[in-house]
Amino acid sequence: MGNGTGTGLGSGVMGGVGAGRDGGFGGGPFSGDAVIAPREIYNPDPEYSEEARKAKQQGTVVLSLIVDADGRPRDIHVVRPLGMGLDEKAVEALRKWRFEPGRKGGIPVAMQVNVEVSFRLY
């Protein structure tokens, strides 16, 4: 339909919808069972905020992000905050992380994932 090719809709290709390809939607990231999930290969620990250290705050921040086809995180946002400056520290650390990208049919693809960043005082 539209200017799609194969079974694509809109500008989709081979089952894609919008600008999607091979089952993707609108050029967005893949998700689901048909792909191999990204794997962390470099994940430095976050720094503690001074406010959280003084309050002895511990816990986990959950972040949602897209790991692009080059293994770099993008579009990071907090799903479950912890507060006291730790959310910002988690995002800051995650920007430095690197991943083995997700794959579909052996080809690297962008994929949406959730990541937990833990803060523990020892």
N, C-alpha and C. Protein backbone atom coordinates (compact mmCIF):
# COMPACT_ATOMS: atom_id res chain seq x y z
N MET A 1 0.85 -1.18 0.00
CA MET A 1 0.00 0.00 0.00
C MET A 1 0.90 1.24 0.00
N GLY A 2 0.40 2.35 -0.47
CA GLY A 2 1.22 3.56 -0.54
C GLY A 2 2.37 3.31 -1.47
N ASN A 3 3.57 3.76 -1.12
CA ASN A 3 4.73 3.52 -1.97
C ASN A 3 5.62 2.42 -1.40
N GLY A 4 5.05 1.57 -0.51
CA GLY A 4 5.81 0.46 0.07
C GLY A 4 6.16 -0.58 -0.96
N THR A 5 7.21 -1.38 -0.68
CA THR A 5 7.60 -2.47 -1.57
C THR A 5 7.38 -3.78 -0.86
N GLY A 6 7.24 -4.86 -1.62
CA GLY A 6 6.94 -6.15 -1.01
C GLY A 6 5.59 -6.04 -0.32
N THR A 7 5.54 -6.38 0.94
CA THR A 7 4.29 -6.25 1.69
C THR A 7 4.30 -5.01 2.58
N GLY A 8 5.22 -4.08 2.33
CA GLY A 8 5.34 -2.87 3.15
C GLY A 8 4.17 -1.94 2.99
N LEU A 9 3.85 -1.20 4.03
CA LEU A 9 2.79 -0.20 4.01
C LEU A 9 3.43 1.18 4.08
N GLY A 10 2.82 2.18 3.44
CA GLY A 10 3.41 3.51 3.42
C GLY A 10 4.73 3.43 2.68
N SER A 11 5.82 3.84 3.30
CA SER A 11 7.13 3.72 2.66
C SER A 11 7.88 2.49 3.15
N GLY A 12 7.16 1.55 3.80
CA GLY A 12 7.78 0.35 4.36
C GLY A 12 8.30 -0.59 3.31
N VAL A 13 9.25 -1.44 3.73
CA VAL A 13 9.88 -2.42 2.84
C VAL A 13 9.75 -3.79 3.49
N MET A 14 9.31 -4.80 2.71
CA MET A 14 9.26 -6.20 3.15
C MET A 14 8.56 -6.38 4.49
N GLY A 15 7.35 -5.93 4.62
CA GLY A 15 6.60 -6.12 5.85
C GLY A 15 6.70 -4.96 6.82
N GLY A 16 7.52 -3.97 6.52
CA GLY A 16 7.65 -2.80 7.39
C GLY A 16 6.47 -1.87 7.23
N VAL A 17 6.23 -1.06 8.23
CA VAL A 17 5.15 -0.08 8.22
C VAL A 17 5.77 1.31 8.36
N GLY A 18 5.29 2.30 7.60
CA GLY A 18 5.91 3.63 7.60
C GLY A 18 7.28 3.52 6.97
N ALA A 19 8.30 3.98 7.65
CA ALA A 19 9.66 3.86 7.11
C ALA A 19 10.34 2.58 7.58
N GLY A 20 9.58 1.66 8.20
CA GLY A 20 10.16 0.43 8.74
C GLY A 20 10.59 -0.55 7.67
N ARG A 21 11.47 -1.48 8.07
CA ARG A 21 11.94 -2.55 7.18
C ARG A 21 11.78 -3.88 7.90
N ASP A 22 11.46 -4.92 7.16
CA ASP A 22 11.42 -6.28 7.70
C ASP A 22 10.65 -6.39 9.02
N GLY A 23 9.50 -5.80 9.12
CA GLY A 23 8.68 -5.89 10.33
C GLY A 23 8.84 -4.73 11.27
N GLY A 24 9.76 -3.80 11.01
CA GLY A 24 9.92 -2.62 11.85
C GLY A 24 8.83 -1.60 11.56
N PHE A 25 8.61 -0.68 12.46
CA PHE A 25 7.58 0.34 12.32
C PHE A 25 8.22 1.72 12.27
N GLY A 26 7.95 2.48 11.22
CA GLY A 26 8.35 3.87 11.15
C GLY A 26 9.83 4.13 11.33
N GLY A 27 10.66 3.20 11.00
CA GLY A 27 12.10 3.39 11.13
C GLY A 27 12.58 3.30 12.57
N GLY A 28 11.70 2.93 13.48
CA GLY A 28 12.04 2.84 14.90
C GLY A 28 12.81 1.58 15.22
N PRO A 29 13.17 1.41 16.49
CA PRO A 29 13.96 0.26 16.90
C PRO A 29 13.14 -1.03 16.88
N PHE A 30 13.83 -2.14 16.75
CA PHE A 30 13.20 -3.43 16.82
C PHE A 30 12.96 -3.81 18.27
N SER A 31 12.00 -4.68 18.48
CA SER A 31 11.80 -5.28 19.79
C SER A 31 11.08 -6.59 19.58
N GLY A 32 11.11 -7.45 20.57
CA GLY A 32 10.39 -8.70 20.47
C GLY A 32 11.30 -9.90 20.35
N ASP A 33 10.69 -11.05 20.01
CA ASP A 33 11.39 -12.33 20.01
C ASP A 33 12.26 -12.56 18.78
N ALA A 34 12.04 -11.82 17.71
CA ALA A 34 12.73 -12.07 16.45
C ALA A 34 14.15 -11.52 16.42
N VAL A 35 14.60 -10.88 17.48
CA VAL A 35 15.94 -10.30 17.50
C VAL A 35 16.72 -10.80 18.70
N ILE A 36 18.04 -10.70 18.61
CA ILE A 36 18.92 -10.99 19.74
C ILE A 36 19.17 -9.68 20.46
N ALA A 37 18.93 -9.65 21.75
CA ALA A 37 19.03 -8.43 22.54
C ALA A 37 20.46 -7.91 22.64
N PRO A 38 20.63 -6.60 22.81
CA PRO A 38 21.96 -6.03 23.03
C PRO A 38 22.58 -6.58 24.31
N ARG A 39 23.91 -6.56 24.35
CA ARG A 39 24.65 -7.05 25.52
C ARG A 39 25.65 -5.99 25.93
N GLU A 40 25.71 -5.71 27.23
CA GLU A 40 26.66 -4.71 27.75
C GLU A 40 28.09 -5.22 27.56
N ILE A 41 28.97 -4.34 27.04
CA ILE A 41 30.38 -4.72 26.93
C ILE A 41 31.28 -3.75 27.68
N TYR A 42 30.76 -2.57 28.01
CA TYR A 42 31.50 -1.60 28.81
C TYR A 42 30.48 -0.83 29.62
N ASN A 43 30.52 -0.99 30.94
CA ASN A 43 29.51 -0.36 31.79
C ASN A 43 30.12 0.18 33.09
N PRO A 44 30.79 1.32 32.99
CA PRO A 44 31.38 1.91 34.20
C PRO A 44 30.31 2.25 35.23
N ASP A 45 30.68 2.10 36.50
CA ASP A 45 29.76 2.41 37.60
C ASP A 45 29.46 3.91 37.64
N PRO A 46 28.26 4.26 38.05
CA PRO A 46 27.91 5.68 38.21
C PRO A 46 28.56 6.25 39.46
N GLU A 47 28.72 7.55 39.47
CA GLU A 47 29.17 8.24 40.68
C GLU A 47 27.97 8.45 41.58
N TYR A 48 28.24 8.59 42.87
CA TYR A 48 27.19 8.93 43.84
C TYR A 48 27.05 10.44 43.90
N SER A 49 25.84 10.93 44.03
CA SER A 49 25.67 12.36 44.28
C SER A 49 26.00 12.61 45.75
N GLU A 50 26.49 13.79 46.05
CA GLU A 50 26.86 14.12 47.43
C GLU A 50 25.63 14.07 48.34
N GLU A 51 24.51 14.56 47.82
CA GLU A 51 23.25 14.56 48.59
C GLU A 51 22.84 13.14 48.97
N ALA A 52 22.92 12.21 48.04
CA ALA A 52 22.53 10.82 48.30
C ALA A 52 23.52 10.14 49.25
N ARG A 53 24.79 10.45 49.11
CA ARG A 53 25.80 9.88 50.00
C ARG A 53 25.55 10.31 51.45
N LYS A 54 25.28 11.60 51.64
CA LYS A 54 25.01 12.10 53.00
C LYS A 54 23.77 11.47 53.60
N ALA A 55 22.76 11.24 52.76
CA ALA A 55 21.50 10.65 53.23
C ALA A 55 21.55 9.11 53.26
N LYS A 56 22.69 8.55 52.80
CA LYS A 56 22.88 7.10 52.72
C LYS A 56 21.79 6.43 51.88
N GLN A 57 21.41 7.12 50.81
CA GLN A 57 20.39 6.63 49.89
C GLN A 57 20.97 5.49 49.04
N GLN A 58 20.24 4.38 48.94
CA GLN A 58 20.62 3.26 48.09
C GLN A 58 19.41 2.82 47.29
N GLY A 59 19.63 2.12 46.21
CA GLY A 59 18.53 1.61 45.42
C GLY A 59 18.90 1.48 43.96
N THR A 60 17.87 1.37 43.13
CA THR A 60 18.06 1.12 41.71
C THR A 60 17.24 2.10 40.88
N VAL A 61 17.88 2.68 39.87
CA VAL A 61 17.21 3.53 38.89
C VAL A 61 16.99 2.67 37.66
N VAL A 62 15.77 2.69 37.11
CA VAL A 62 15.48 1.98 35.87
C VAL A 62 15.40 3.00 34.75
N LEU A 63 16.16 2.73 33.69
CA LEU A 63 16.22 3.64 32.54
C LEU A 63 15.76 2.91 31.29
N SER A 64 15.09 3.62 30.42
CA SER A 64 14.71 3.11 29.11
C SER A 64 15.59 3.82 28.09
N LEU A 65 16.06 3.09 27.09
CA LEU A 65 16.93 3.68 26.09
C LEU A 65 16.87 2.87 24.81
N ILE A 66 17.45 3.44 23.79
CA ILE A 66 17.63 2.72 22.54
C ILE A 66 19.13 2.48 22.38
N VAL A 67 19.48 1.22 22.15
CA VAL A 67 20.86 0.88 21.79
C VAL A 67 20.87 0.87 20.27
N ASP A 68 21.65 1.78 19.67
CA ASP A 68 21.65 1.89 18.21
C ASP A 68 22.47 0.75 17.59
N ALA A 69 22.48 0.69 16.29
CA ALA A 69 23.15 -0.40 15.57
C ALA A 69 24.66 -0.37 15.75
N ASP A 70 25.21 0.73 16.29
CA ASP A 70 26.64 0.81 16.59
C ASP A 70 26.94 0.47 18.05
N GLY A 71 25.90 0.15 18.84
CA GLY A 71 26.09 -0.22 20.24
C GLY A 71 26.15 0.97 21.18
N ARG A 72 25.71 2.14 20.71
CA ARG A 72 25.72 3.34 21.55
C ARG A 72 24.31 3.62 22.08
N PRO A 73 24.22 4.01 23.36
CA PRO A 73 22.91 4.32 23.93
C PRO A 73 22.42 5.70 23.46
N ARG A 74 21.11 5.81 23.24
CA ARG A 74 20.51 7.10 22.88
C ARG A 74 19.08 7.13 23.41
N ASP A 75 18.49 8.31 23.39
CA ASP A 75 17.10 8.50 23.84
C ASP A 75 16.89 7.91 25.24
N ILE A 76 17.79 8.24 26.16
CA ILE A 76 17.74 7.72 27.53
C ILE A 76 16.72 8.51 28.34
N HIS A 77 15.83 7.79 29.04
CA HIS A 77 14.95 8.47 29.99
C HIS A 77 14.67 7.56 31.19
N VAL A 78 14.39 8.20 32.31
CA VAL A 78 14.19 7.50 33.57
C VAL A 78 12.78 6.93 33.61
N VAL A 79 12.68 5.63 33.90
CA VAL A 79 11.40 4.94 34.03
C VAL A 79 11.01 4.85 35.50
N ARG A 80 11.99 4.50 36.35
CA ARG A 80 11.74 4.42 37.79
C ARG A 80 12.84 5.20 38.50
N PRO A 81 12.52 6.40 38.99
CA PRO A 81 13.52 7.26 39.61
C PRO A 81 13.85 6.84 41.05
N LEU A 82 14.98 7.33 41.50
CA LEU A 82 15.42 7.12 42.87
C LEU A 82 15.55 8.45 43.61
N GLY A 83 15.80 9.53 42.88
CA GLY A 83 15.89 10.86 43.48
C GLY A 83 17.27 11.18 44.02
N MET A 84 17.36 12.32 44.69
CA MET A 84 18.58 12.82 45.33
C MET A 84 19.76 12.93 44.38
N GLY A 85 19.49 13.22 43.12
CA GLY A 85 20.56 13.39 42.14
C GLY A 85 21.06 12.10 41.52
N LEU A 86 20.55 10.94 41.99
CA LEU A 86 21.03 9.66 41.48
C LEU A 86 20.49 9.36 40.09
N ASP A 87 19.30 9.85 39.77
CA ASP A 87 18.75 9.64 38.42
C ASP A 87 19.68 10.27 37.38
N GLU A 88 20.10 11.50 37.65
CA GLU A 88 20.99 12.21 36.73
C GLU A 88 22.35 11.51 36.62
N LYS A 89 22.85 10.99 37.76
CA LYS A 89 24.13 10.27 37.76
C LYS A 89 24.01 8.96 36.97
N ALA A 90 22.85 8.31 37.05
CA ALA A 90 22.64 7.07 36.29
C ALA A 90 22.63 7.36 34.79
N VAL A 91 21.95 8.42 34.37
CA VAL A 91 21.91 8.79 32.96
C VAL A 91 23.31 9.16 32.48
N GLU A 92 24.02 9.92 33.27
CA GLU A 92 25.39 10.33 32.93
C GLU A 92 26.29 9.11 32.72
N ALA A 93 26.19 8.13 33.60
CA ALA A 93 27.01 6.92 33.47
C ALA A 93 26.59 6.11 32.25
N LEU A 94 25.28 6.00 32.03
CA LEU A 94 24.79 5.18 30.92
C LEU A 94 25.21 5.73 29.56
N ARG A 95 25.39 7.03 29.47
CA ARG A 95 25.86 7.63 28.21
C ARG A 95 27.26 7.14 27.83
N LYS A 96 28.02 6.65 28.83
CA LYS A 96 29.37 6.14 28.58
C LYS A 96 29.38 4.64 28.26
N TRP A 97 28.27 3.97 28.53
CA TRP A 97 28.21 2.54 28.30
C TRP A 97 28.29 2.23 26.81
N ARG A 98 28.77 1.03 26.50
CA ARG A 98 28.79 0.52 25.14
C ARG A 98 28.21 -0.89 25.15
N PHE A 99 27.57 -1.24 24.06
CA PHE A 99 26.87 -2.51 23.94
C PHE A 99 27.29 -3.23 22.67
N GLU A 100 27.18 -4.54 22.71
CA GLU A 100 27.15 -5.33 21.49
C GLU A 100 25.71 -5.12 21.02
N PRO A 101 25.49 -4.55 19.83
CA PRO A 101 24.12 -4.20 19.44
C PRO A 101 23.23 -5.42 19.27
N GLY A 102 21.92 -5.18 19.35
CA GLY A 102 20.97 -6.23 19.04
C GLY A 102 21.11 -6.62 17.58
N ARG A 103 20.67 -7.82 17.26
CA ARG A 103 20.81 -8.31 15.89
C ARG A 103 19.51 -8.96 15.42
N LYS A 104 19.22 -8.75 14.16
CA LYS A 104 18.11 -9.43 13.51
C LYS A 104 18.67 -10.04 12.24
N GLY A 105 18.59 -11.36 12.15
CA GLY A 105 19.16 -12.04 10.99
C GLY A 105 20.65 -11.81 10.86
N GLY A 106 21.35 -11.64 11.99
CA GLY A 106 22.79 -11.43 11.99
C GLY A 106 23.21 -9.99 11.70
N ILE A 107 22.26 -9.12 11.44
CA ILE A 107 22.57 -7.73 11.12
C ILE A 107 22.29 -6.85 12.35
N PRO A 108 23.23 -5.97 12.74
CA PRO A 108 22.99 -5.08 13.89
C PRO A 108 21.78 -4.17 13.63
N VAL A 109 20.93 -4.05 14.66
CA VAL A 109 19.75 -3.20 14.57
C VAL A 109 19.61 -2.38 15.85
N ALA A 110 18.94 -1.25 15.76
CA ALA A 110 18.61 -0.46 16.95
C ALA A 110 17.52 -1.21 17.73
N MET A 111 17.61 -1.16 19.05
CA MET A 111 16.65 -1.87 19.88
C MET A 111 16.39 -1.13 21.17
N GLN A 112 15.13 -1.06 21.58
CA GLN A 112 14.74 -0.44 22.84
C GLN A 112 14.92 -1.44 23.96
N VAL A 113 15.57 -1.01 25.06
CA VAL A 113 15.79 -1.87 26.23
C VAL A 113 15.60 -1.05 27.50
N ASN A 114 15.40 -1.75 28.60
CA ASN A 114 15.41 -1.14 29.93
C ASN A 114 16.67 -1.61 30.63
N VAL A 115 17.30 -0.72 31.38
CA VAL A 115 18.53 -1.02 32.10
C VAL A 115 18.36 -0.58 33.54
N GLU A 116 18.82 -1.41 34.47
CA GLU A 116 18.82 -1.07 35.89
C GLU A 116 20.22 -0.62 36.29
N VAL A 117 20.30 0.52 36.96
CA VAL A 117 21.57 1.04 37.47
C VAL A 117 21.43 1.08 38.99
N SER A 118 22.26 0.28 39.67
CA SER A 118 22.17 0.16 41.13
C SER A 118 23.16 1.08 41.83
N PHE A 119 22.71 1.61 42.95
CA PHE A 119 23.54 2.44 43.82
C PHE A 119 23.59 1.77 45.18
N ARG A 120 24.80 1.40 45.61
CA ARG A 120 25.01 0.76 46.90
C ARG A 120 26.18 1.41 47.60
N LEU A 121 26.00 1.68 48.87
CA LEU A 121 27.10 2.18 49.71
C LEU A 121 27.68 0.98 50.44
N TYR A 122 29.00 0.85 50.42
CA TYR A 122 29.64 -0.30 51.06
C TYR A 122 30.39 0.13 52.28
